[in-house]
Amino acid sequence: MSDFFSSGWSIFVAVTTIVGLVACLALLIVASRRKVMADDNTTGHVWDVDLREMNNPLPRWWMWLFVITVVFAAIYLALYPGLGSFGGTLGWSSAGQYKTEQQRAQENVAQIFAKFKGKSAEELVKDSAAMGIGERLFGNNCAQCHGSDARGSKGFPNLTDGDWQWGGTPEIIAETITKGRIGVMPPMAAAVGTAEDVKNVANYVLSLSGGAHNAVAAQLGKPKFVVCAACHGPEGKGNPALGAPNLTDKIWLHGWGEAAVVAMINNGKNNIMPAFGERLSAEQIHVLAAYVWSLSQTASVAAK
C-alpha cells in the first residue's frame, strides 16, 4: 500500500510540474497577442480625463526570455531529478555526487597517508606528523561523542584511562573504528530475583571495586551474582570478547552508586558505536587508531 501511495504522489508531482510548464507557455502566447479594443490602441479605460490604458503586446525580448526559461526548465527536468521519482537521464543524485567527491578527496590525500602505511602504532606515536593528522581525524569524527579531550562523558567512554570494553590494542581499536560496536546489557532483574535481591547484587557489584556499599547486602547478593558472571566473569573483571565491562576498576560508564547499578540491572542498556569503515579509508583508520591508542598510553605513563 505504501508503494502505491508513493507511486501516486510521484505521478502527481510529475504531472503537476509538466502542466505548470505548459501553462506558462500558453500564458505567454496569449499575452503576446495584440488585441485591439479601440481605434486608438487602448483598452478603453480612461482615468483623470486623459490617462488611458494602452493595449501593447509584451516586448519581444521579455517574451523570449520567459520562453527560454521554460525550455531550460524542461531540459533540466529531463536530465536531472525533479519529476517525481524519475531520476533524470544523466542518473545524477546528491548522494552519488557526495560519494564521488568523498572518493576523490580520499584519493587526493592517499599519498599523504602512504608514508604511514606499514608502520606500527609504536612508530606512528613517535611521528609528530602522524599524530597531528590523527588528532585532526579525531576532532572531526570522534570528538562529538568522546569530547575534544577524549575523556568522554556519561554513556560515552573515556579513551584516556586505559579501560577498554572491547580491548585496547591498536588492532582492536582499528577494528572498533572500522566496524563499530553494539554493546548490549539485557535487563536481568527477573533472573536475579526480587527487588531486594537486585539491591543486594548491586551492593555486591559496588564492593568489587571497593566503593561505598552495604556489606551485609553485598554478602547476600554474592550468590545471585552468578547470573551476571556469565558475561562479567566470576570475579567481575569483564570479558572483552563480549564487550562486558570490568566491574572491579571503579570506572562506571553509565553512573555510579546503588541507584545507578539497580537501574542497570532492572532496565539494561544498549550502546552503539557507529562504524566508520565507509567514511574513512583504511590508511586514515590506521593513523587514527594509533592516535587513540596513544591517549591511554600517555595517561598510563603519567600515572606511573
C-alpha atoms as a PDB file:
ATOM      1  CA  MET A   1       0.000   0.000   0.000  1.00  0.00           C
ATOM      2  CA  SER A   2       2.835   2.384   0.835  1.00  0.00           C
ATOM      3  CA  ASP A   3       4.408   1.737  -2.590  1.00  0.00           C
ATOM      4  CA  PHE A   4       1.083   2.578  -4.217  1.00  0.00           C
ATOM      5  CA  PHE A   5       0.835   5.920  -2.425  1.00  0.00           C
ATOM      6  CA  SER A   6       4.494   6.628  -3.097  1.00  0.00           C
ATOM      7  CA  SER A   7       3.971   5.961  -6.817  1.00  0.00           C
ATOM      8  CA  GLY A   8       0.778   8.018  -6.785  1.00  0.00           C
ATOM      9  CA  TRP A   9       2.488  11.032  -5.270  1.00  0.00           C
ATOM     10  CA  SER A  10       5.327  10.677  -7.745  1.00  0.00           C
ATOM     11  CA  ILE A  11       2.887  10.776 -10.665  1.00  0.00           C
ATOM     12  CA  PHE A  12       1.046  13.711  -9.096  1.00  0.00           C
ATOM     13  CA  VAL A  13       4.253  15.738  -8.748  1.00  0.00           C
ATOM     14  CA  ALA A  14       5.398  14.920 -12.291  1.00  0.00           C
ATOM     15  CA  VAL A  15       2.027  15.770 -13.879  1.00  0.00           C
ATOM     16  CA  THR A  16       1.682  18.992 -11.874  1.00  0.00           C
ATOM     17  CA  THR A  17       5.163  20.104 -12.923  1.00  0.00           C
ATOM     18  CA  ILE A  18       4.587  19.390 -16.622  1.00  0.00           C
ATOM     19  CA  VAL A  19       1.164  21.048 -16.596  1.00  0.00           C
ATOM     20  CA  GLY A  20       2.710  24.088 -14.929  1.00  0.00           C
ATOM     21  CA  LEU A  21       5.349  24.422 -17.669  1.00  0.00           C
ATOM     22  CA  VAL A  22       2.749  24.033 -20.437  1.00  0.00           C
ATOM     23  CA  ALA A  23       0.501  26.597 -18.725  1.00  0.00           C
ATOM     24  CA  CYS A  24       3.394  29.072 -18.608  1.00  0.00           C
ATOM     25  CA  LEU A  25       3.926  28.712 -22.367  1.00  0.00           C
ATOM     26  CA  ALA A  26       0.190  29.073 -23.049  1.00  0.00           C
ATOM     27  CA  LEU A  27       0.036  32.191 -20.908  1.00  0.00           C
ATOM     28  CA  LEU A  28       2.970  33.704 -22.775  1.00  0.00           C
ATOM     29  CA  ILE A  29       1.345  33.011 -26.132  1.00  0.00           C
ATOM     30  CA  VAL A  30      -1.921  34.586 -25.055  1.00  0.00           C
ATOM     31  CA  ALA A  31      -0.205  37.596 -23.504  1.00  0.00           C
ATOM     32  CA  SER A  32       1.963  38.176 -26.573  1.00  0.00           C
ATOM     33  CA  ARG A  33      -1.013  38.532 -28.935  1.00  0.00           C
ATOM     34  CA  ARG A  34      -2.217  42.050 -29.643  1.00  0.00           C
ATOM     35  CA  LYS A  35      -5.962  42.543 -29.299  1.00  0.00           C
ATOM     36  CA  VAL A  36      -7.147  45.962 -30.362  1.00  0.00           C
ATOM     37  CA  MET A  37     -10.071  47.047 -28.229  1.00  0.00           C
ATOM     38  CA  ALA A  38     -10.387  50.592 -29.527  1.00  0.00           C
ATOM     39  CA  ASP A  39      -9.350  52.610 -32.580  1.00  0.00           C
ATOM     40  CA  ASP A  40      -6.575  54.333 -30.642  1.00  0.00           C
ATOM     41  CA  ASN A  41      -4.998  51.029 -29.386  1.00  0.00           C
ATOM     42  CA  THR A  42      -6.252  51.423 -25.850  1.00  0.00           C
ATOM     43  CA  THR A  43      -8.402  49.220 -23.679  1.00  0.00           C
ATOM     44  CA  GLY A  44     -10.993  51.963 -23.497  1.00  0.00           C
ATOM     45  CA  HIS A  45     -10.224  52.684 -19.841  1.00  0.00           C
ATOM     46  CA  VAL A  46      -9.588  56.372 -19.043  1.00  0.00           C
ATOM     47  CA  TRP A  47      -8.612  57.949 -15.725  1.00  0.00           C
ATOM     48  CA  ASP A  48      -8.198  61.570 -14.771  1.00  0.00           C
ATOM     49  CA  VAL A  49      -9.630  62.822 -18.081  1.00  0.00           C
ATOM     50  CA  ASP A  50      -6.693  61.890 -20.339  1.00  0.00           C
ATOM     51  CA  LEU A  51      -4.873  58.956 -18.684  1.00  0.00           C
ATOM     52  CA  ARG A  52      -5.506  55.961 -20.951  1.00  0.00           C
ATOM     53  CA  GLU A  53      -4.512  52.288 -20.580  1.00  0.00           C
ATOM     54  CA  MET A  54      -2.664  51.103 -23.665  1.00  0.00           C
ATOM     55  CA  ASN A  55      -3.025  47.603 -25.089  1.00  0.00           C
ATOM     56  CA  ASN A  56       0.507  46.938 -26.348  1.00  0.00           C
ATOM     57  CA  PRO A  57       1.836  43.358 -26.528  1.00  0.00           C
ATOM     58  CA  LEU A  58       4.715  42.146 -24.337  1.00  0.00           C
ATOM     59  CA  PRO A  59       8.165  43.233 -25.529  1.00  0.00           C
ATOM     60  CA  ARG A  60       9.694  40.514 -27.700  1.00  0.00           C
ATOM     61  CA  TRP A  61      12.884  40.214 -25.632  1.00  0.00           C
ATOM     62  CA  TRP A  62      10.819  39.805 -22.487  1.00  0.00           C
ATOM     63  CA  MET A  63       8.628  37.112 -24.009  1.00  0.00           C
ATOM     64  CA  TRP A  64      11.589  35.165 -25.402  1.00  0.00           C
ATOM     65  CA  LEU A  65      13.325  35.374 -22.030  1.00  0.00           C
ATOM     66  CA  PHE A  66      10.322  33.639 -20.480  1.00  0.00           C
ATOM     67  CA  VAL A  67      10.287  31.064 -23.281  1.00  0.00           C
ATOM     68  CA  ILE A  68      13.982  30.316 -22.769  1.00  0.00           C
ATOM     69  CA  THR A  69      13.363  29.918 -19.035  1.00  0.00           C
ATOM     70  CA  VAL A  70      10.587  27.390 -19.636  1.00  0.00           C
ATOM     71  CA  VAL A  71      12.667  25.470 -22.193  1.00  0.00           C
ATOM     72  CA  PHE A  72      15.615  25.428 -19.798  1.00  0.00           C
ATOM     73  CA  ALA A  73      13.358  24.048 -17.066  1.00  0.00           C
ATOM     74  CA  ALA A  74      12.100  21.297 -19.378  1.00  0.00           C
ATOM     75  CA  ILE A  75      15.649  20.283 -20.363  1.00  0.00           C
ATOM     76  CA  TYR A  76      16.746  20.345 -16.716  1.00  0.00           C
ATOM     77  CA  LEU A  77      13.862  18.092 -15.652  1.00  0.00           C
ATOM     78  CA  ALA A  78      14.750  15.658 -18.435  1.00  0.00           C
ATOM     79  CA  LEU A  79      18.392  15.448 -17.302  1.00  0.00           C
ATOM     80  CA  TYR A  80      18.107  15.716 -13.512  1.00  0.00           C
ATOM     81  CA  PRO A  81      15.677  14.558 -10.780  1.00  0.00           C
ATOM     82  CA  GLY A  82      12.575  16.708 -10.435  1.00  0.00           C
ATOM     83  CA  LEU A  83       9.678  14.842 -11.996  1.00  0.00           C
ATOM     84  CA  GLY A  84       8.529  12.724  -9.073  1.00  0.00           C
ATOM     85  CA  SER A  85      10.571   9.528  -8.815  1.00  0.00           C
ATOM     86  CA  PHE A  86      12.118   9.978 -12.271  1.00  0.00           C
ATOM     87  CA  GLY A  87      15.867  10.211 -11.698  1.00  0.00           C
ATOM     88  CA  GLY A  88      16.787  12.010 -14.905  1.00  0.00           C
ATOM     89  CA  THR A  89      18.610  10.652 -17.935  1.00  0.00           C
ATOM     90  CA  LEU A  90      22.039  11.556 -16.516  1.00  0.00           C
ATOM     91  CA  GLY A  91      21.467   9.443 -13.419  1.00  0.00           C
ATOM     92  CA  TRP A  92      22.737  12.196 -11.130  1.00  0.00           C
ATOM     93  CA  SER A  93      21.916  12.260  -7.422  1.00  0.00           C
ATOM     94  CA  SER A  94      23.189  14.269  -4.484  1.00  0.00           C
ATOM     95  CA  ALA A  95      24.142  11.040  -2.690  1.00  0.00           C
ATOM     96  CA  GLY A  96      26.095   9.868  -5.729  1.00  0.00           C
ATOM     97  CA  GLN A  97      27.873  13.188  -6.037  1.00  0.00           C
ATOM     98  CA  TYR A  98      28.752  13.085  -2.335  1.00  0.00           C
ATOM     99  CA  LYS A  99      30.300   9.625  -2.691  1.00  0.00           C
ATOM    100  CA  THR A 100      32.210  10.705  -5.774  1.00  0.00           C
ATOM    101  CA  GLU A 101      33.573  13.798  -4.075  1.00  0.00           C
ATOM    102  CA  GLN A 102      34.438  11.772  -0.981  1.00  0.00           C
ATOM    103  CA  GLN A 103      36.294   9.215  -3.072  1.00  0.00           C
ATOM    104  CA  ARG A 104      38.128  11.969  -4.941  1.00  0.00           C
ATOM    105  CA  ALA A 105      39.130  13.587  -1.665  1.00  0.00           C
ATOM    106  CA  GLN A 106      40.421  10.278  -0.305  1.00  0.00           C
ATOM    107  CA  GLU A 107      42.445   9.741  -3.472  1.00  0.00           C
ATOM    108  CA  ASN A 108      43.967  13.198  -3.093  1.00  0.00           C
ATOM    109  CA  VAL A 109      45.101  12.525   0.459  1.00  0.00           C
ATOM    110  CA  ALA A 110      46.132   8.914  -0.168  1.00  0.00           C
ATOM    111  CA  GLN A 111      49.696   9.962  -0.912  1.00  0.00           C
ATOM    112  CA  ILE A 112      49.875  11.733   2.450  1.00  0.00           C
ATOM    113  CA  PHE A 113      48.961   8.522   4.273  1.00  0.00           C
ATOM    114  CA  ALA A 114      51.107   6.321   2.045  1.00  0.00           C
ATOM    115  CA  LYS A 115      54.220   7.035   4.136  1.00  0.00           C
ATOM    116  CA  PHE A 116      52.419   5.800   7.268  1.00  0.00           C
ATOM    117  CA  LYS A 117      51.344   2.501   5.727  1.00  0.00           C
ATOM    118  CA  GLY A 118      53.105  -0.480   7.227  1.00  0.00           C
ATOM    119  CA  LYS A 119      54.266   1.403  10.309  1.00  0.00           C
ATOM    120  CA  SER A 120      53.318   0.043  13.707  1.00  0.00           C
ATOM    121  CA  ALA A 121      51.349   2.056  16.233  1.00  0.00           C
ATOM    122  CA  GLU A 122      54.504   2.484  18.310  1.00  0.00           C
ATOM    123  CA  GLU A 123      56.279   4.016  15.315  1.00  0.00           C
ATOM    124  CA  LEU A 124      53.342   6.269  14.457  1.00  0.00           C
ATOM    125  CA  VAL A 125      53.143   7.581  18.018  1.00  0.00           C
ATOM    126  CA  LYS A 126      56.708   8.847  17.657  1.00  0.00           C
ATOM    127  CA  ASP A 127      55.861  10.579  14.365  1.00  0.00           C
ATOM    128  CA  SER A 128      54.621  14.105  15.102  1.00  0.00           C
ATOM    129  CA  ALA A 129      53.122  14.449  11.610  1.00  0.00           C
ATOM    130  CA  ALA A 130      51.109  11.248  12.019  1.00  0.00           C
ATOM    131  CA  MET A 131      49.893  12.284  15.472  1.00  0.00           C
ATOM    132  CA  GLY A 132      48.916  15.725  14.151  1.00  0.00           C
ATOM    133  CA  ILE A 133      46.821  14.096  11.435  1.00  0.00           C
ATOM    134  CA  GLY A 134      45.375  11.628  13.947  1.00  0.00           C
ATOM    135  CA  GLU A 135      44.362  14.477  16.233  1.00  0.00           C
ATOM    136  CA  ARG A 136      42.525  16.229  13.404  1.00  0.00           C
ATOM    137  CA  LEU A 137      40.799  12.992  12.385  1.00  0.00           C
ATOM    138  CA  PHE A 138      39.733  12.524  15.990  1.00  0.00           C
ATOM    139  CA  GLY A 139      38.400  16.070  16.202  1.00  0.00           C
ATOM    140  CA  ASN A 140      36.376  15.663  13.015  1.00  0.00           C
ATOM    141  CA  ASN A 141      34.969  12.191  13.675  1.00  0.00           C
ATOM    142  CA  CYS A 142      35.196  11.208  17.343  1.00  0.00           C
ATOM    143  CA  ALA A 143      35.136  14.340  19.494  1.00  0.00           C
ATOM    144  CA  GLN A 144      31.366  14.768  19.068  1.00  0.00           C
ATOM    145  CA  CYS A 145      30.834  11.802  21.416  1.00  0.00           C
ATOM    146  CA  HIS A 146      34.110  11.341  23.282  1.00  0.00           C
ATOM    147  CA  GLY A 147      34.862  15.055  23.740  1.00  0.00           C
ATOM    148  CA  SER A 148      37.717  17.127  22.365  1.00  0.00           C
ATOM    149  CA  ASP A 149      39.895  15.878  25.226  1.00  0.00           C
ATOM    150  CA  ALA A 150      38.776  12.256  24.614  1.00  0.00           C
ATOM    151  CA  ARG A 151      37.623  11.935  28.238  1.00  0.00           C
ATOM    152  CA  GLY A 152      34.054  11.152  27.246  1.00  0.00           C
ATOM    153  CA  SER A 153      31.023  11.660  29.466  1.00  0.00           C
ATOM    154  CA  LYS A 154      28.208   9.581  30.923  1.00  0.00           C
ATOM    155  CA  GLY A 155      27.416   6.897  28.341  1.00  0.00           C
ATOM    156  CA  PHE A 156      30.458   7.759  26.213  1.00  0.00           C
ATOM    157  CA  PRO A 157      33.733   6.014  27.137  1.00  0.00           C
ATOM    158  CA  ASN A 158      36.827   7.843  28.337  1.00  0.00           C
ATOM    159  CA  LEU A 159      39.588   6.942  25.885  1.00  0.00           C
ATOM    160  CA  THR A 160      42.426   8.127  28.107  1.00  0.00           C
ATOM    161  CA  ASP A 161      42.028   5.885  31.164  1.00  0.00           C
ATOM    162  CA  GLY A 162      43.262   2.564  29.807  1.00  0.00           C
ATOM    163  CA  ASP A 163      39.894   0.865  30.427  1.00  0.00           C
ATOM    164  CA  TRP A 164      38.738  -0.821  27.225  1.00  0.00           C
ATOM    165  CA  GLN A 165      35.403  -2.577  26.966  1.00  0.00           C
ATOM    166  CA  TRP A 166      36.333  -4.458  23.776  1.00  0.00           C
ATOM    167  CA  GLY A 167      40.111  -4.445  24.123  1.00  0.00           C
ATOM    168  CA  GLY A 168      42.672  -1.669  23.800  1.00  0.00           C
ATOM    169  CA  THR A 169      45.329  -2.906  21.392  1.00  0.00           C
ATOM    170  CA  PRO A 170      45.868  -0.781  18.249  1.00  0.00           C
ATOM    171  CA  GLU A 171      44.483  -3.625  16.128  1.00  0.00           C
ATOM    172  CA  ILE A 172      41.264  -3.928  18.129  1.00  0.00           C
ATOM    173  CA  ILE A 173      40.832  -0.147  18.247  1.00  0.00           C
ATOM    174  CA  ALA A 174      41.147  -0.056  14.455  1.00  0.00           C
ATOM    175  CA  GLU A 175      38.545  -2.846  14.220  1.00  0.00           C
ATOM    176  CA  THR A 176      36.209  -0.915  16.505  1.00  0.00           C
ATOM    177  CA  ILE A 177      36.547   2.241  14.401  1.00  0.00           C
ATOM    178  CA  THR A 178      36.055   0.311  11.170  1.00  0.00           C
ATOM    179  CA  LYS A 179      33.109  -1.916  12.096  1.00  0.00           C
ATOM    180  CA  GLY A 180      31.620  -0.108  15.083  1.00  0.00           C
ATOM    181  CA  ARG A 181      30.317  -1.836  18.208  1.00  0.00           C
ATOM    182  CA  ILE A 182      26.935  -2.674  19.701  1.00  0.00           C
ATOM    183  CA  GLY A 183      27.019  -3.122  23.467  1.00  0.00           C
ATOM    184  CA  VAL A 184      24.007  -4.879  24.983  1.00  0.00           C
ATOM    185  CA  MET A 185      23.289  -5.263  28.685  1.00  0.00           C
ATOM    186  CA  PRO A 186      19.959  -7.136  28.924  1.00  0.00           C
ATOM    187  CA  PRO A 187      17.515  -6.485  31.784  1.00  0.00           C
ATOM    188  CA  MET A 188      18.452  -9.040  34.438  1.00  0.00           C
ATOM    189  CA  ALA A 189      16.028  -8.326  37.289  1.00  0.00           C
ATOM    190  CA  ALA A 190      13.853 -11.350  36.529  1.00  0.00           C
ATOM    191  CA  ALA A 191      16.887 -13.655  36.571  1.00  0.00           C
ATOM    192  CA  VAL A 192      18.290 -12.126  39.768  1.00  0.00           C
ATOM    193  CA  GLY A 193      15.071 -12.446  41.767  1.00  0.00           C
ATOM    194  CA  THR A 194      13.158  -9.983  43.902  1.00  0.00           C
ATOM    195  CA  ALA A 195      13.682  -6.228  44.143  1.00  0.00           C
ATOM    196  CA  GLU A 196      15.610  -6.870  47.368  1.00  0.00           C
ATOM    197  CA  ASP A 197      17.822  -9.372  45.562  1.00  0.00           C
ATOM    198  CA  VAL A 198      18.559  -6.738  42.905  1.00  0.00           C
ATOM    199  CA  LYS A 199      19.669  -4.275  45.586  1.00  0.00           C
ATOM    200  CA  ASN A 200      21.860  -6.922  47.173  1.00  0.00           C
ATOM    201  CA  VAL A 201      23.531  -7.741  43.853  1.00  0.00           C
ATOM    202  CA  ALA A 202      24.045  -4.011  43.221  1.00  0.00           C
ATOM    203  CA  ASN A 203      25.844  -3.698  46.546  1.00  0.00           C
ATOM    204  CA  TYR A 204      27.968  -6.748  45.762  1.00  0.00           C
ATOM    205  CA  VAL A 205      28.902  -5.184  42.404  1.00  0.00           C
ATOM    206  CA  LEU A 206      29.904  -1.979  44.190  1.00  0.00           C
ATOM    207  CA  SER A 207      32.015  -3.998  46.636  1.00  0.00           C
ATOM    208  CA  LEU A 208      34.053  -5.445  43.777  1.00  0.00           C
ATOM    209  CA  SER A 209      35.631  -2.063  43.118  1.00  0.00           C
ATOM    210  CA  GLY A 210      35.943  -1.118  46.778  1.00  0.00           C
ATOM    211  CA  GLY A 211      33.272   1.545  46.542  1.00  0.00           C
ATOM    212  CA  ALA A 212      30.818   2.559  49.230  1.00  0.00           C
ATOM    213  CA  HIS A 213      28.318  -0.237  49.781  1.00  0.00           C
ATOM    214  CA  ASN A 214      26.256  -2.119  52.349  1.00  0.00           C
ATOM    215  CA  ALA A 215      28.484  -5.019  53.398  1.00  0.00           C
ATOM    216  CA  VAL A 216      25.617  -7.182  54.644  1.00  0.00           C
ATOM    217  CA  ALA A 217      23.630  -6.671  51.437  1.00  0.00           C
ATOM    218  CA  ALA A 218      26.751  -7.371  49.371  1.00  0.00           C
ATOM    219  CA  GLN A 219      27.218 -10.760  51.064  1.00  0.00           C
ATOM    220  CA  LEU A 220      23.591 -11.618  50.405  1.00  0.00           C
ATOM    221  CA  GLY A 221      23.956 -10.578  46.774  1.00  0.00           C
ATOM    222  CA  LYS A 222      27.139 -12.541  46.096  1.00  0.00           C
ATOM    223  CA  PRO A 223      25.371 -15.869  45.344  1.00  0.00           C
ATOM    224  CA  LYS A 224      22.995 -14.064  42.973  1.00  0.00           C
ATOM    225  CA  PHE A 225      25.906 -12.592  41.043  1.00  0.00           C
ATOM    226  CA  VAL A 226      26.236 -15.924  39.276  1.00  0.00           C
ATOM    227  CA  VAL A 227      23.720 -14.743  36.652  1.00  0.00           C
ATOM    228  CA  CYS A 228      25.998 -11.749  35.931  1.00  0.00           C
ATOM    229  CA  ALA A 229      29.172 -13.834  35.903  1.00  0.00           C
ATOM    230  CA  ALA A 230      28.191 -15.376  32.564  1.00  0.00           C
ATOM    231  CA  CYS A 231      29.280 -12.113  30.904  1.00  0.00           C
ATOM    232  CA  HIS A 232      31.331 -10.241  33.505  1.00  0.00           C
ATOM    233  CA  GLY A 233      33.215 -13.300  34.762  1.00  0.00           C
ATOM    234  CA  PRO A 234      33.130 -14.912  38.220  1.00  0.00           C
ATOM    235  CA  GLU A 235      35.378 -12.152  39.590  1.00  0.00           C
ATOM    236  CA  GLY A 236      33.581  -9.367  37.754  1.00  0.00           C
ATOM    237  CA  LYS A 237      36.616  -8.461  35.652  1.00  0.00           C
ATOM    238  CA  GLY A 238      34.670  -8.393  32.410  1.00  0.00           C
ATOM    239  CA  ASN A 239      35.071 -10.072  29.048  1.00  0.00           C
ATOM    240  CA  PRO A 240      36.396  -8.016  26.089  1.00  0.00           C
ATOM    241  CA  ALA A 241      35.175 -10.671  23.652  1.00  0.00           C
ATOM    242  CA  LEU A 242      31.598  -9.825  24.669  1.00  0.00           C
ATOM    243  CA  GLY A 243      32.157  -6.167  25.435  1.00  0.00           C
ATOM    244  CA  ALA A 244      31.279  -6.864  29.076  1.00  0.00           C
ATOM    245  CA  PRO A 245      32.941  -4.175  31.235  1.00  0.00           C
ATOM    246  CA  ASN A 246      35.243  -4.738  34.174  1.00  0.00           C
ATOM    247  CA  LEU A 247      33.284  -4.143  37.401  1.00  0.00           C
ATOM    248  CA  THR A 248      36.358  -4.015  39.636  1.00  0.00           C
ATOM    249  CA  ASP A 249      38.173  -0.921  38.353  1.00  0.00           C
ATOM    250  CA  LYS A 250      35.993   1.931  39.692  1.00  0.00           C
ATOM    251  CA  ILE A 251      35.191   3.084  36.149  1.00  0.00           C
ATOM    252  CA  TRP A 252      31.448   3.459  35.587  1.00  0.00           C
ATOM    253  CA  LEU A 253      30.255   4.322  32.100  1.00  0.00           C
ATOM    254  CA  HIS A 254      26.594   4.861  32.978  1.00  0.00           C
ATOM    255  CA  GLY A 255      26.768   6.196  36.509  1.00  0.00           C
ATOM    256  CA  TRP A 256      27.964   5.036  39.928  1.00  0.00           C
ATOM    257  CA  GLY A 257      26.143   4.164  43.124  1.00  0.00           C
ATOM    258  CA  GLU A 258      23.432   1.764  44.216  1.00  0.00           C
ATOM    259  CA  ALA A 259      20.634   3.528  42.319  1.00  0.00           C
ATOM    260  CA  ALA A 260      22.604   3.545  39.062  1.00  0.00           C
ATOM    261  CA  VAL A 261      23.554  -0.146  39.313  1.00  0.00           C
ATOM    262  CA  VAL A 262      19.987  -1.129  40.275  1.00  0.00           C
ATOM    263  CA  ALA A 263      18.636   0.785  37.259  1.00  0.00           C
ATOM    264  CA  MET A 264      21.124  -1.025  35.017  1.00  0.00           C
ATOM    265  CA  ILE A 265      20.104  -4.434  36.334  1.00  0.00           C
ATOM    266  CA  ASN A 266      16.393  -3.618  36.012  1.00  0.00           C
ATOM    267  CA  ASN A 267      16.399  -1.867  32.642  1.00  0.00           C
ATOM    268  CA  GLY A 268      19.545  -2.985  30.848  1.00  0.00           C
ATOM    269  CA  LYS A 269      21.326  -0.725  28.393  1.00  0.00           C
ATOM    270  CA  ASN A 270      22.164  -0.625  24.685  1.00  0.00           C
ATOM    271  CA  ASN A 271      25.147   1.345  23.431  1.00  0.00           C
ATOM    272  CA  ILE A 272      26.114   1.892  19.804  1.00  0.00           C
ATOM    273  CA  MET A 273      29.474   2.919  18.428  1.00  0.00           C
ATOM    274  CA  PRO A 274      28.887   3.712  14.721  1.00  0.00           C
ATOM    275  CA  ALA A 275      31.100   2.190  12.051  1.00  0.00           C
ATOM    276  CA  PHE A 276      33.473   4.486  10.179  1.00  0.00           C
ATOM    277  CA  GLY A 277      34.730   1.967   7.636  1.00  0.00           C
ATOM    278  CA  GLU A 278      32.839   3.601   4.777  1.00  0.00           C
ATOM    279  CA  ARG A 279      33.645   7.132   5.868  1.00  0.00           C
ATOM    280  CA  LEU A 280      37.379   6.794   6.423  1.00  0.00           C
ATOM    281  CA  SER A 281      39.962   4.930   4.391  1.00  0.00           C
ATOM    282  CA  ALA A 282      41.962   2.063   5.873  1.00  0.00           C
ATOM    283  CA  GLU A 283      45.042   4.309   5.974  1.00  0.00           C
ATOM    284  CA  GLN A 284      43.170   7.016   7.873  1.00  0.00           C
ATOM    285  CA  ILE A 285      41.806   4.486  10.370  1.00  0.00           C
ATOM    286  CA  HIS A 286      45.329   3.107  10.862  1.00  0.00           C
ATOM    287  CA  VAL A 287      46.614   6.539  11.877  1.00  0.00           C
ATOM    288  CA  LEU A 288      43.511   7.381  13.925  1.00  0.00           C
ATOM    289  CA  ALA A 289      43.717   4.087  15.840  1.00  0.00           C
ATOM    290  CA  ALA A 290      47.347   4.796  16.703  1.00  0.00           C
ATOM    291  CA  TYR A 291      46.381   8.248  17.965  1.00  0.00           C
ATOM    292  CA  VAL A 292      43.522   6.919  20.099  1.00  0.00           C
ATOM    293  CA  TRP A 293      45.807   4.194  21.477  1.00  0.00           C
ATOM    294  CA  SER A 294      48.418   6.824  22.349  1.00  0.00           C
ATOM    295  CA  LEU A 295      45.933   8.710  24.522  1.00  0.00           C
ATOM    296  CA  SER A 296      45.658   5.862  27.021  1.00  0.00           C
ATOM    297  CA  GLN A 297      49.380   5.151  26.829  1.00  0.00           C
ATOM    298  CA  THR A 298      50.172   8.746  27.766  1.00  0.00           C
ATOM    299  CA  ALA A 299      47.785   8.534  30.708  1.00  0.00           C
ATOM    300  CA  SER A 300      49.305   5.224  31.850  1.00  0.00           C
ATOM    301  CA  VAL A 301      52.832   6.641  31.761  1.00  0.00           C
ATOM    302  CA  ALA A 302      51.701   9.742  33.668  1.00  0.00           C
ATOM    303  CA  ALA A 303      50.025   7.560  36.311  1.00  0.00           C
ATOM    304  CA  LYS A 304      53.289   5.701  36.908  1.00  0.00           C
END
